[in-house]
Amino acid sequence: MKHGPVVTFEQLPKAVTQLFIELEDLKQLVLQKNNTLQPVADHWFTIDELCAYLPGNPAKTTIYSKVHNREIPHKKIGKRLAFRKSEIDQWLSSQTRKTILEIEAEAEAFIQTSKNNKA
């Protein structure tokens, strides 16, 4: 492990002052860097791009069906469908199937609350 220079007790106030100056310089650099960063624009998919992006590469008719049933997040711009990548990614991550143990736990909790409501 590499250590910095050894500072004596007499040199300590000057070293702390120097650290504060360097810290302020670093803060200014970080603020300048943050101001120059541009937010990344969210990518919009057409229906063909979405079919290629989704796992299993579903057919267009499958996507149209999901749009019709409001199962997939989408926007209608004029006569065209558009899909925001961030919304699709969020939708995909929420599409997990429950395990048998999770289903059984939910059923047990439902039964318990049903019994409590009847009593």
Protein backbone atom coordinates (compact mmCIF):
# COMPACT_ATOMS: atom_id res chain seq x y z
CA MET A 1 0.00 0.00 0.00
CA LYS A 2 1.40 3.39 -1.02
CA HIS A 3 1.44 6.18 1.55
CA GLY A 4 1.73 9.91 0.93
CA PRO A 5 4.42 12.13 2.38
CA VAL A 6 4.84 12.21 6.14
CA VAL A 7 3.48 15.43 7.67
CA THR A 8 4.81 16.67 10.98
CA PHE A 9 2.63 18.35 13.59
CA GLU A 10 4.02 21.76 12.64
CA GLN A 11 3.21 21.18 8.94
CA LEU A 12 -0.34 19.99 9.64
CA PRO A 13 -2.19 23.36 9.34
CA LYS A 14 -0.53 24.10 5.99
CA ALA A 15 -1.28 20.57 4.72
CA VAL A 16 -4.97 20.83 5.72
CA THR A 17 -5.23 24.21 3.99
CA GLN A 18 -3.71 22.72 0.85
CA LEU A 19 -6.21 19.83 0.99
CA PHE A 20 -9.13 22.27 1.21
CA ILE A 21 -7.84 24.18 -1.82
CA GLU A 22 -7.46 20.98 -3.84
CA LEU A 23 -10.91 19.80 -2.74
CA GLU A 24 -12.48 23.06 -3.95
CA ASP A 25 -10.67 22.69 -7.28
CA LEU A 26 -12.04 19.15 -7.63
CA LYS A 27 -15.57 20.33 -6.81
CA GLN A 28 -15.33 22.97 -9.54
CA LEU A 29 -14.13 20.37 -12.06
CA VAL A 30 -16.99 18.02 -11.19
CA LEU A 31 -19.55 20.82 -11.50
CA GLN A 32 -18.15 21.86 -14.88
CA LYS A 33 -18.24 18.26 -16.08
CA ASN A 34 -21.85 17.81 -14.91
CA ASN A 35 -22.93 20.96 -16.71
CA THR A 36 -21.43 19.79 -20.01
CA LEU A 37 -23.06 16.35 -19.93
CA GLN A 38 -26.11 16.11 -22.15
CA PRO A 39 -28.89 13.70 -21.20
CA VAL A 40 -29.08 10.72 -23.50
CA ALA A 41 -32.24 10.82 -25.58
CA ASP A 42 -34.41 7.76 -25.18
CA HIS A 43 -34.54 5.57 -28.25
CA TRP A 44 -37.90 4.99 -29.94
CA PHE A 45 -38.61 1.70 -31.73
CA THR A 46 -40.77 1.17 -34.77
CA ILE A 47 -42.77 -2.05 -34.73
CA ASP A 48 -40.15 -3.77 -36.92
CA GLU A 49 -37.32 -2.68 -34.62
CA LEU A 50 -39.31 -3.81 -31.60
CA CYS A 51 -39.87 -7.26 -33.11
CA ALA A 52 -36.11 -7.58 -33.63
CA TYR A 53 -35.35 -6.28 -30.11
CA LEU A 54 -37.72 -8.46 -28.10
CA PRO A 55 -36.61 -11.93 -27.00
CA GLY A 56 -37.93 -14.60 -29.33
CA ASN A 57 -38.42 -12.05 -32.13
CA PRO A 58 -42.23 -12.12 -32.05
CA ALA A 59 -44.25 -11.54 -35.21
CA LYS A 60 -45.81 -8.16 -35.95
CA THR A 61 -49.26 -9.65 -35.40
CA THR A 62 -48.25 -10.63 -31.87
CA ILE A 63 -47.17 -7.06 -31.14
CA TYR A 64 -50.36 -5.65 -32.68
CA SER A 65 -52.36 -8.01 -30.47
CA LYS A 66 -50.47 -6.87 -27.34
CA VAL A 67 -51.06 -3.23 -28.33
CA HIS A 68 -54.76 -3.88 -28.89
CA ASN A 69 -55.07 -5.58 -25.48
CA ARG A 70 -52.96 -2.81 -23.87
CA GLU A 71 -50.43 -5.34 -22.64
CA ILE A 72 -47.36 -3.49 -23.91
CA PRO A 73 -46.44 0.18 -23.38
CA HIS A 74 -46.74 2.17 -26.60
CA LYS A 75 -47.53 5.55 -28.09
CA LYS A 76 -49.51 6.25 -31.21
CA ILE A 77 -47.98 9.09 -33.18
CA GLY A 78 -50.32 9.86 -36.03
CA LYS A 79 -51.08 6.50 -37.57
CA ARG A 80 -47.83 4.92 -36.45
CA LEU A 81 -47.01 2.98 -33.31
CA ALA A 82 -43.89 3.92 -31.36
CA PHE A 83 -42.30 2.14 -28.44
CA ARG A 84 -39.89 3.82 -25.99
CA LYS A 85 -36.91 1.57 -25.21
CA SER A 86 -36.85 2.44 -21.50
CA GLU A 87 -40.55 1.57 -21.14
CA ILE A 88 -40.08 -1.70 -23.04
CA ASP A 89 -37.10 -2.64 -20.84
CA GLN A 90 -39.13 -1.91 -17.71
CA TRP A 91 -42.08 -3.90 -19.10
CA LEU A 92 -39.79 -6.84 -19.92
CA SER A 93 -38.30 -6.89 -16.44
CA SER A 94 -41.79 -6.94 -14.90
CA GLN A 95 -42.86 -9.93 -16.99
CA THR A 96 -41.41 -12.60 -14.71
CA ARG A 97 -43.48 -15.65 -13.91
CA LYS A 98 -44.09 -16.57 -10.30
CA THR A 99 -42.67 -19.77 -8.90
CA ILE A 100 -44.91 -22.41 -7.37
CA LEU A 101 -43.63 -21.43 -3.92
CA GLU A 102 -44.61 -17.79 -4.50
CA ILE A 103 -48.08 -18.80 -5.70
CA GLU A 104 -48.56 -21.09 -2.70
CA ALA A 105 -47.44 -18.32 -0.32
CA GLU A 106 -49.91 -15.88 -1.89
CA ALA A 107 -52.70 -18.44 -1.64
CA GLU A 108 -51.89 -19.09 2.01
CA ALA A 109 -51.87 -15.35 2.76
CA PHE A 110 -55.21 -14.95 0.98
CA ILE A 111 -56.73 -17.80 2.99
CA GLN A 112 -55.47 -16.28 6.23
CA THR A 113 -56.93 -12.86 5.43
CA SER A 114 -60.22 -14.47 4.37
CA LYS A 115 -60.45 -16.27 7.71
CA ASN A 116 -59.65 -13.06 9.60
CA ASN A 117 -62.35 -11.14 7.72
CA LYS A 118 -65.00 -13.76 8.49
CA ALA A 119 -64.18 -13.88 12.19
